[in-house]
């Protein structure tokens, strides 16, 4: 598969996972099952349409920062930090507590190297897959970029370990054809992880996958019985397992992730990004892409961002002759006001839905 398909597939796969999972965020596995039944998942945020959240926004900002500095990790970090500062000024409706505190520190003058807070949330994993796809041909360079991306928001070593696992998975998918042996990849990630808890979780994942266990069985074995938490050592192993269960099928992998409940948008976004990197955009259900109701970060805009990244990283050394893709900041602010209103309305409507027995 061409690098262009891997990059575009990663970005769009993450976007549809985010949008499909967002309406069910915070709900238990049982409640999602009662609401959806056996029917295929569809967009459910605005009728039959959906929107992206911070998972996709962070992946796109990471891509833009890579276009600013494809071969300089320090310049990349500075660019990403300013994009995250600007993103906070746009009043995003969905932002993790750890990320919020770190971005406030950035605005107060902390450098990107020192702004991260002690948190093991899953925010850094949102930005990791696209890094693996773009710079994963060089493991040392990849580790440096992931470390800088992670530590500007999360200083907990567990956050870095989880983000590295996602980035290394994406790199292995694109550059080592790891989708042919997903259980082997899980085992290799376990061996490479510099974190005892993550190593144990990924080893357990490889064992369950070799037995052919469903994703729900693995999640329960990890202690995620009613839904998957936002703790990075829960999010990352479960997302990797959902991808490994359907490594070249974005639709099937995202369905598995969302039906597990909990932090559905982030787990499904990571899962969809990895599956998209493995197969390109062709396995993304067309109805999911058509149903994303977004501007200015539309499906077409994200595709153009992927095209620009592909032109940059198809060269060795990577060189961005075009720079970041233009985007309208006033339009983003207006979009965020609309998104906030829609999310609040959706939240109230969820209170009226019947609960599972």
Protein backbone atom coordinates (compact mmCIF):
# COMPACT_ATOMS: atom_id res chain seq x y z
CA UNK A 1 0.00 0.00 0.00
CA UNK A 2 1.21 3.49 -0.83
CA UNK A 3 2.14 5.85 1.98
CA UNK A 4 -0.57 8.24 0.85
CA UNK A 5 -3.27 5.65 1.47
CA UNK A 6 -1.83 4.82 4.89
CA UNK A 7 -1.76 8.48 5.96
CA UNK A 8 -5.21 9.37 4.63
CA UNK A 9 -6.60 6.09 5.96
CA UNK A 10 -5.15 6.79 9.41
CA UNK A 11 -6.64 10.28 9.60
CA UNK A 12 -10.06 9.37 8.19
CA UNK A 13 -10.23 6.06 10.07
CA UNK A 14 -9.60 7.94 13.29
CA UNK A 15 -12.20 10.56 12.36
CA UNK A 16 -14.99 8.06 11.73
CA UNK A 17 -14.12 6.14 14.89
CA UNK A 18 -14.30 9.40 16.83
CA UNK A 19 -17.60 10.46 15.26
CA UNK A 20 -19.28 7.05 15.57
CA UNK A 21 -18.11 6.63 19.16
CA UNK A 22 -18.83 10.14 20.43
CA UNK A 23 -22.62 9.79 20.96
CA UNK A 24 -22.03 6.77 23.21
CA UNK A 25 -19.19 8.18 25.32
CA UNK A 26 -19.61 7.46 29.00
CA UNK A 27 -22.33 4.86 28.56
CA UNK A 28 -22.00 1.29 29.76
CA UNK A 29 -21.67 -1.67 27.45
CA UNK A 30 -25.12 -2.88 28.46
CA UNK A 31 -26.78 0.45 27.79
CA UNK A 32 -25.22 0.75 24.33
CA UNK A 33 -26.30 -2.80 23.53
CA UNK A 34 -29.86 -2.07 24.64
CA UNK A 35 -30.01 1.08 22.50
CA UNK A 36 -28.40 -0.32 19.35
CA UNK A 37 -29.18 -4.03 19.45
CA UNK A 38 -27.71 -6.09 16.64
CA UNK A 39 -28.07 -3.35 14.03
CA UNK A 40 -24.88 -1.91 12.47
CA UNK A 41 -23.69 1.27 14.11
CA UNK A 42 -24.59 4.55 12.45
CA UNK A 43 -24.02 8.20 13.23
CA UNK A 44 -26.25 9.19 16.13
CA UNK A 45 -25.21 12.64 17.32
CA UNK A 46 -27.44 14.79 15.08
CA UNK A 47 -30.06 12.41 13.79
CA UNK A 48 -28.15 10.24 11.34
CA UNK A 49 -25.13 12.54 11.21
CA UNK A 50 -22.06 12.92 13.38
CA UNK A 51 -19.23 15.26 14.32
CA UNK A 52 -15.62 14.84 15.38
CA UNK A 53 -14.20 15.71 18.79
CA UNK A 54 -10.79 16.38 20.31
CA UNK A 55 -9.41 13.00 19.18
CA UNK A 56 -9.52 13.98 15.51
CA UNK A 57 -8.62 17.59 16.19
CA UNK A 58 -5.43 16.55 17.98
CA UNK A 59 -4.47 14.16 15.17
CA UNK A 60 -4.97 16.94 12.60
CA UNK A 61 -2.99 19.47 14.65
CA UNK A 62 -0.20 16.92 14.93
CA UNK A 63 -0.24 16.54 11.16
CA UNK A 64 -0.08 20.30 10.71
CA UNK A 65 2.87 20.53 13.10
CA UNK A 66 4.64 17.78 11.15
CA UNK A 67 4.20 19.81 7.99
CA UNK A 68 5.81 22.75 9.77
CA UNK A 69 8.85 20.74 10.90
CA UNK A 70 9.01 17.22 9.45
CA UNK A 71 12.61 16.58 10.51
CA UNK A 72 13.06 18.77 13.58
CA UNK A 73 11.39 17.43 16.72
CA UNK A 74 11.96 20.63 18.72
CA UNK A 75 10.41 22.83 16.04
CA UNK A 76 7.60 20.28 15.71
CA UNK A 77 6.91 20.56 19.44
CA UNK A 78 6.88 24.35 19.32
CA UNK A 79 4.43 24.31 16.43
CA UNK A 80 2.16 21.77 18.10
CA UNK A 81 2.25 23.72 21.36
CA UNK A 82 1.06 26.89 19.63
CA UNK A 83 -1.66 24.97 17.82
CA UNK A 84 -2.84 23.52 21.12
CA UNK A 85 -2.82 26.99 22.69
CA UNK A 86 -4.96 28.27 19.83
CA UNK A 87 -7.22 25.25 20.07
CA UNK A 88 -7.91 26.08 23.73
CA UNK A 89 -8.85 29.65 22.80
CA UNK A 90 -11.44 28.15 20.45
CA UNK A 91 -13.33 26.90 23.54
CA UNK A 92 -13.44 23.17 22.66
CA UNK A 93 -16.36 21.36 24.26
CA UNK A 94 -14.39 18.16 24.82
CA UNK A 95 -11.03 18.34 26.56
CA UNK A 96 -9.44 16.10 29.16
CA UNK A 97 -8.63 17.54 32.59
CA UNK A 98 -4.93 16.77 32.26
CA UNK A 99 -4.72 18.34 28.81
CA UNK A 100 -6.60 21.42 30.00
CA UNK A 101 -4.19 22.00 32.88
CA UNK A 102 -1.19 21.54 30.58
CA UNK A 103 -2.50 24.03 28.01
CA UNK A 104 -3.12 26.60 30.71
CA UNK A 105 0.51 26.12 31.78
CA UNK A 106 1.60 26.67 28.17
CA UNK A 107 -0.29 29.96 28.09
CA UNK A 108 1.27 30.96 31.41
CA UNK A 109 4.76 30.60 29.94
CA UNK A 110 5.82 27.00 30.59
CA UNK A 111 7.84 25.59 27.70
CA UNK A 112 6.55 22.52 25.82
CA UNK A 113 9.27 20.49 27.57
CA UNK A 114 7.92 21.41 31.04
CA UNK A 115 4.21 22.06 30.57
CA UNK A 116 2.99 18.48 31.00
CA UNK A 117 1.14 17.50 34.17
CA UNK A 118 1.18 14.29 36.19
CA UNK A 119 -1.58 12.42 34.41
CA UNK A 120 -1.91 8.98 32.84
CA UNK A 121 -4.88 9.97 30.72
CA UNK A 122 -5.17 8.86 27.12
CA UNK A 123 -4.71 12.28 25.46
CA UNK A 124 -1.21 11.58 24.08
CA UNK A 125 -2.47 8.42 22.40
CA UNK A 126 -4.80 10.57 20.27
CA UNK A 127 -1.76 12.08 18.58
CA UNK A 128 0.38 8.95 18.31
CA UNK A 129 -0.92 6.97 15.33
CA UNK A 130 -0.28 9.69 12.74
CA UNK A 131 3.25 10.10 14.12
CA UNK A 132 3.86 6.38 13.65
CA UNK A 133 2.62 6.47 10.07
CA UNK A 134 4.64 9.54 9.08
CA UNK A 135 7.97 9.13 10.91
CA UNK A 136 7.87 5.46 11.90
CA UNK A 137 10.47 4.40 9.36
CA UNK A 138 13.08 5.60 11.87
CA UNK A 139 12.44 4.15 15.37
CA UNK A 140 14.75 6.59 17.13
CA UNK A 141 13.23 9.62 15.45
CA UNK A 142 9.74 8.27 16.15
CA UNK A 143 10.47 7.90 19.86
CA UNK A 144 11.74 11.49 19.99
CA UNK A 145 8.68 12.94 18.26
CA UNK A 146 6.28 10.92 20.43
CA UNK A 147 8.11 11.96 23.60
CA UNK A 148 7.86 15.65 22.70
CA UNK A 149 4.20 15.33 21.73
CA UNK A 150 3.39 13.53 24.97
CA UNK A 151 5.35 15.51 27.51
CA UNK A 152 3.88 18.87 26.58
CA UNK A 153 0.58 17.68 28.08
CA UNK A 154 1.33 14.56 30.18
CA UNK A 155 4.52 14.02 32.18
CA UNK A 156 3.52 10.66 33.70
CA UNK A 157 5.79 7.91 32.24
CA UNK A 158 2.73 5.73 31.72
CA UNK A 159 1.32 8.26 29.26
CA UNK A 160 4.51 8.09 27.22
CA UNK A 161 4.56 4.29 27.30
CA UNK A 162 1.00 4.11 26.01
CA UNK A 163 1.54 6.68 23.27
CA UNK A 164 4.70 4.90 22.15
CA UNK A 165 2.79 1.61 21.89
CA UNK A 166 0.23 3.19 19.55
CA UNK A 167 2.90 4.93 17.47
CA UNK A 168 5.01 1.78 17.19
CA UNK A 169 1.95 -0.22 16.20
CA UNK A 170 1.14 2.26 13.42
CA UNK A 171 4.74 2.24 12.24
CA UNK A 172 4.87 -1.57 12.17
CA UNK A 173 1.57 -1.68 10.27
CA UNK A 174 2.85 0.66 7.56
CA UNK A 175 6.53 -0.27 7.32
CA UNK A 176 6.63 -3.92 8.45
CA UNK A 177 3.25 -5.27 7.24
CA UNK A 178 2.35 -6.13 10.84
CA UNK A 179 -1.34 -6.47 9.94
CA UNK A 180 -0.42 -9.94 8.64
CA UNK A 181 0.44 -11.04 12.19
CA UNK A 182 -1.44 -8.88 14.71
CA UNK A 183 -0.84 -11.26 17.62
CA UNK A 184 2.88 -11.15 16.90
CA UNK A 185 2.75 -7.35 16.89
CA UNK A 186 1.01 -7.28 20.27
CA UNK A 187 3.69 -9.56 21.69
CA UNK A 188 6.45 -7.39 20.20
CA UNK A 189 4.87 -4.23 21.64
CA UNK A 190 4.71 -5.93 25.04
CA UNK A 191 8.40 -6.75 24.86
CA UNK A 192 9.32 -3.21 23.79
CA UNK A 193 7.20 -1.44 26.43
CA UNK A 194 9.23 0.10 29.23
CA UNK A 195 6.34 -0.26 31.66
CA UNK A 196 5.50 -3.38 33.65
CA UNK A 197 1.73 -2.81 33.71
CA UNK A 198 1.50 -2.14 29.98
CA UNK A 199 3.72 -5.14 29.21
CA UNK A 200 1.39 -7.38 31.22
CA UNK A 201 -1.72 -5.98 29.49
CA UNK A 202 -0.28 -6.39 25.99
CA UNK A 203 0.99 -9.90 26.75
CA UNK A 204 -2.50 -10.78 27.95
CA UNK A 205 -3.92 -9.27 24.75
CA UNK A 206 -1.65 -11.42 22.57
CA UNK A 207 -2.69 -14.55 24.48
CA UNK A 208 -6.40 -13.79 24.13
CA UNK A 209 -6.03 -12.95 20.44
CA UNK A 210 -4.26 -16.24 19.71
CA UNK A 211 -7.19 -18.05 21.36
CA UNK A 212 -9.62 -16.13 19.20
CA UNK A 213 -11.39 -14.50 22.13
CA UNK A 214 -13.79 -11.63 21.37
CA UNK A 215 -12.84 -8.09 22.36
CA UNK A 216 -15.35 -8.12 25.21
CA UNK A 217 -13.62 -11.12 26.80
CA UNK A 218 -10.26 -9.38 26.73
CA UNK A 219 -11.71 -6.13 28.10
CA UNK A 220 -13.25 -8.02 31.01
CA UNK A 221 -9.94 -9.79 31.66
CA UNK A 222 -8.36 -6.34 31.88
CA UNK A 223 -10.98 -5.34 34.45
CA UNK A 224 -13.03 -3.23 32.03
CA UNK A 225 -16.32 -4.99 32.63
CA UNK A 226 -18.89 -2.23 31.99
CA UNK A 227 -16.81 0.07 29.79
CA UNK A 228 -13.25 1.10 28.96
CA UNK A 229 -11.81 3.87 31.11
CA UNK A 230 -9.74 6.86 29.99
CA UNK A 231 -6.67 5.53 31.80
CA UNK A 232 -4.06 5.04 29.09
CA UNK A 233 -3.17 1.48 30.14
CA UNK A 234 -6.82 0.54 29.64
CA UNK A 235 -7.47 2.55 26.48
CA UNK A 236 -4.38 1.51 24.53
CA UNK A 237 -4.45 -2.29 25.06
CA UNK A 238 -8.19 -2.43 24.30
CA UNK A 239 -7.85 -0.26 21.18
CA UNK A 240 -4.97 -2.40 19.95
CA UNK A 241 -7.00 -5.54 20.59
CA UNK A 242 -10.01 -4.21 18.66
CA UNK A 243 -7.72 -3.33 15.75
CA UNK A 244 -6.01 -6.75 15.91
CA UNK A 245 -9.40 -8.48 15.78
CA UNK A 246 -10.13 -6.88 12.38
CA UNK A 247 -6.80 -5.41 11.26
CA UNK A 248 -7.82 -4.35 7.75
CA UNK A 249 -11.49 -3.51 8.31
CA UNK A 250 -12.16 -0.06 9.75
CA UNK A 251 -15.90 -0.66 10.10
CA UNK A 252 -15.61 -3.95 11.96
CA UNK A 253 -12.80 -2.76 14.25
CA UNK A 254 -14.59 0.47 15.19
CA UNK A 255 -17.82 -1.44 15.89
CA UNK A 256 -15.95 -3.64 18.37
CA UNK A 257 -14.46 -0.62 20.12
CA UNK A 258 -17.68 1.35 20.46
CA UNK A 259 -19.74 -1.58 21.71
CA UNK A 260 -17.35 -2.02 24.64
CA UNK A 261 -18.68 1.20 26.20
CA UNK A 262 -16.87 3.77 28.32
CA UNK A 263 -14.52 6.20 26.57
CA UNK A 264 -15.91 5.13 23.22
CA UNK A 265 -14.75 8.02 21.05
CA UNK A 266 -11.08 7.81 21.98
CA UNK A 267 -10.87 4.01 21.93
CA UNK A 268 -12.65 3.91 18.56
CA UNK A 269 -10.56 6.77 17.14
CA UNK A 270 -7.29 4.98 17.95
CA UNK A 271 -8.70 1.71 16.64
CA UNK A 272 -9.98 3.31 13.44
CA UNK A 273 -6.70 5.14 12.87
CA UNK A 274 -4.72 1.90 13.05
CA UNK A 275 -7.16 0.00 10.82
CA UNK A 276 -7.16 2.87 8.34
CA UNK A 277 -3.36 2.86 8.28
CA UNK A 278 -3.45 -0.86 7.49
CA UNK A 279 -5.99 -0.73 4.70
CA UNK A 280 -6.26 2.84 3.48
CA UNK A 281 -9.56 4.66 3.20
CA UNK A 282 -11.20 1.97 1.07
CA UNK A 283 -12.52 -0.09 4.00
CA UNK A 284 -14.11 2.90 5.72
CA UNK A 285 -17.89 2.56 5.34
CA UNK A 286 -18.93 5.25 2.84
CA UNK A 287 -22.04 6.05 4.88
CA UNK A 288 -19.82 6.89 7.85
CA UNK A 289 -17.72 9.31 5.81
CA UNK A 290 -20.75 10.89 4.15
CA UNK A 291 -22.43 11.31 7.53
CA UNK A 292 -19.70 13.45 9.11
CA UNK A 293 -21.18 16.95 9.43
CA UNK A 294 -18.11 19.13 9.79
CA UNK A 295 -16.52 22.39 8.69
CA UNK A 296 -13.84 23.56 8.35
CA UNK A 297 -12.22 20.20 9.30
CA UNK A 298 -14.39 18.36 6.80
CA UNK A 299 -13.67 14.96 5.28
CA UNK A 300 -12.37 16.76 2.19
CA UNK A 301 -10.08 18.99 4.29
CA UNK A 302 -8.71 16.01 6.25
CA UNK A 303 -8.07 14.20 2.96
CA UNK A 304 -6.14 17.19 1.64
CA UNK A 305 -4.12 17.26 4.86
CA UNK A 306 -3.27 13.60 4.33
CA UNK A 307 -2.28 14.25 0.72
CA UNK A 308 0.03 17.05 1.79
CA UNK A 309 1.62 14.88 4.50
CA UNK A 310 2.13 12.11 1.95
CA UNK A 311 3.95 14.44 -0.43
CA UNK A 312 6.13 15.61 2.45
CA UNK A 313 7.05 12.21 3.89
CA UNK A 314 7.39 10.41 0.57
CA UNK A 315 10.66 12.34 0.19
CA UNK A 316 13.82 11.35 2.02
CA UNK A 317 14.70 13.37 3.91
CA UNK A 318 11.17 14.56 4.50
CA UNK A 319 10.58 18.08 3.23
CA UNK A 320 7.45 20.18 3.33
CA UNK A 321 7.48 22.48 0.31
CA UNK A 322 3.88 23.53 0.91
CA UNK A 323 3.72 24.02 4.68
CA UNK A 324 0.62 23.49 6.81
CA UNK A 325 -2.79 23.33 5.19
CA UNK A 326 -4.72 26.62 5.60
CA UNK A 327 -7.75 26.58 7.88
CA UNK A 328 -10.17 29.29 8.96
CA UNK A 329 -9.84 30.01 12.69
CA UNK A 330 -13.05 32.14 12.83
CA UNK A 331 -14.90 29.21 11.23
CA UNK A 332 -13.45 26.89 13.87
CA UNK A 333 -14.75 29.12 16.66
CA UNK A 334 -18.23 29.22 15.15
CA UNK A 335 -18.11 25.46 14.69
CA UNK A 336 -17.20 24.97 18.35
CA UNK A 337 -20.18 27.01 19.54
CA UNK A 338 -22.43 24.87 17.35
CA UNK A 339 -20.75 21.66 18.54
CA UNK A 340 -21.19 22.63 22.20
CA UNK A 341 -24.90 23.26 21.69
CA UNK A 342 -25.33 19.94 19.88
CA UNK A 343 -23.43 17.98 22.54
CA UNK A 344 -25.47 19.57 25.34
CA UNK A 345 -28.71 18.78 23.52
CA UNK A 346 -27.55 15.23 22.94
CA UNK A 347 -26.64 14.86 26.59
CA UNK A 348 -30.10 15.93 27.69
CA UNK A 349 -31.71 13.55 25.21
CA UNK A 350 -29.64 10.67 26.63
CA UNK A 351 -31.26 11.22 30.00
CA UNK A 352 -34.58 10.25 28.43
CA UNK A 353 -33.34 7.01 26.89
CA UNK A 354 -34.31 3.77 28.60
CA UNK A 355 -31.57 2.19 30.67
CA UNK A 356 -30.57 -1.46 30.36
CA UNK A 357 -32.03 -3.67 33.06
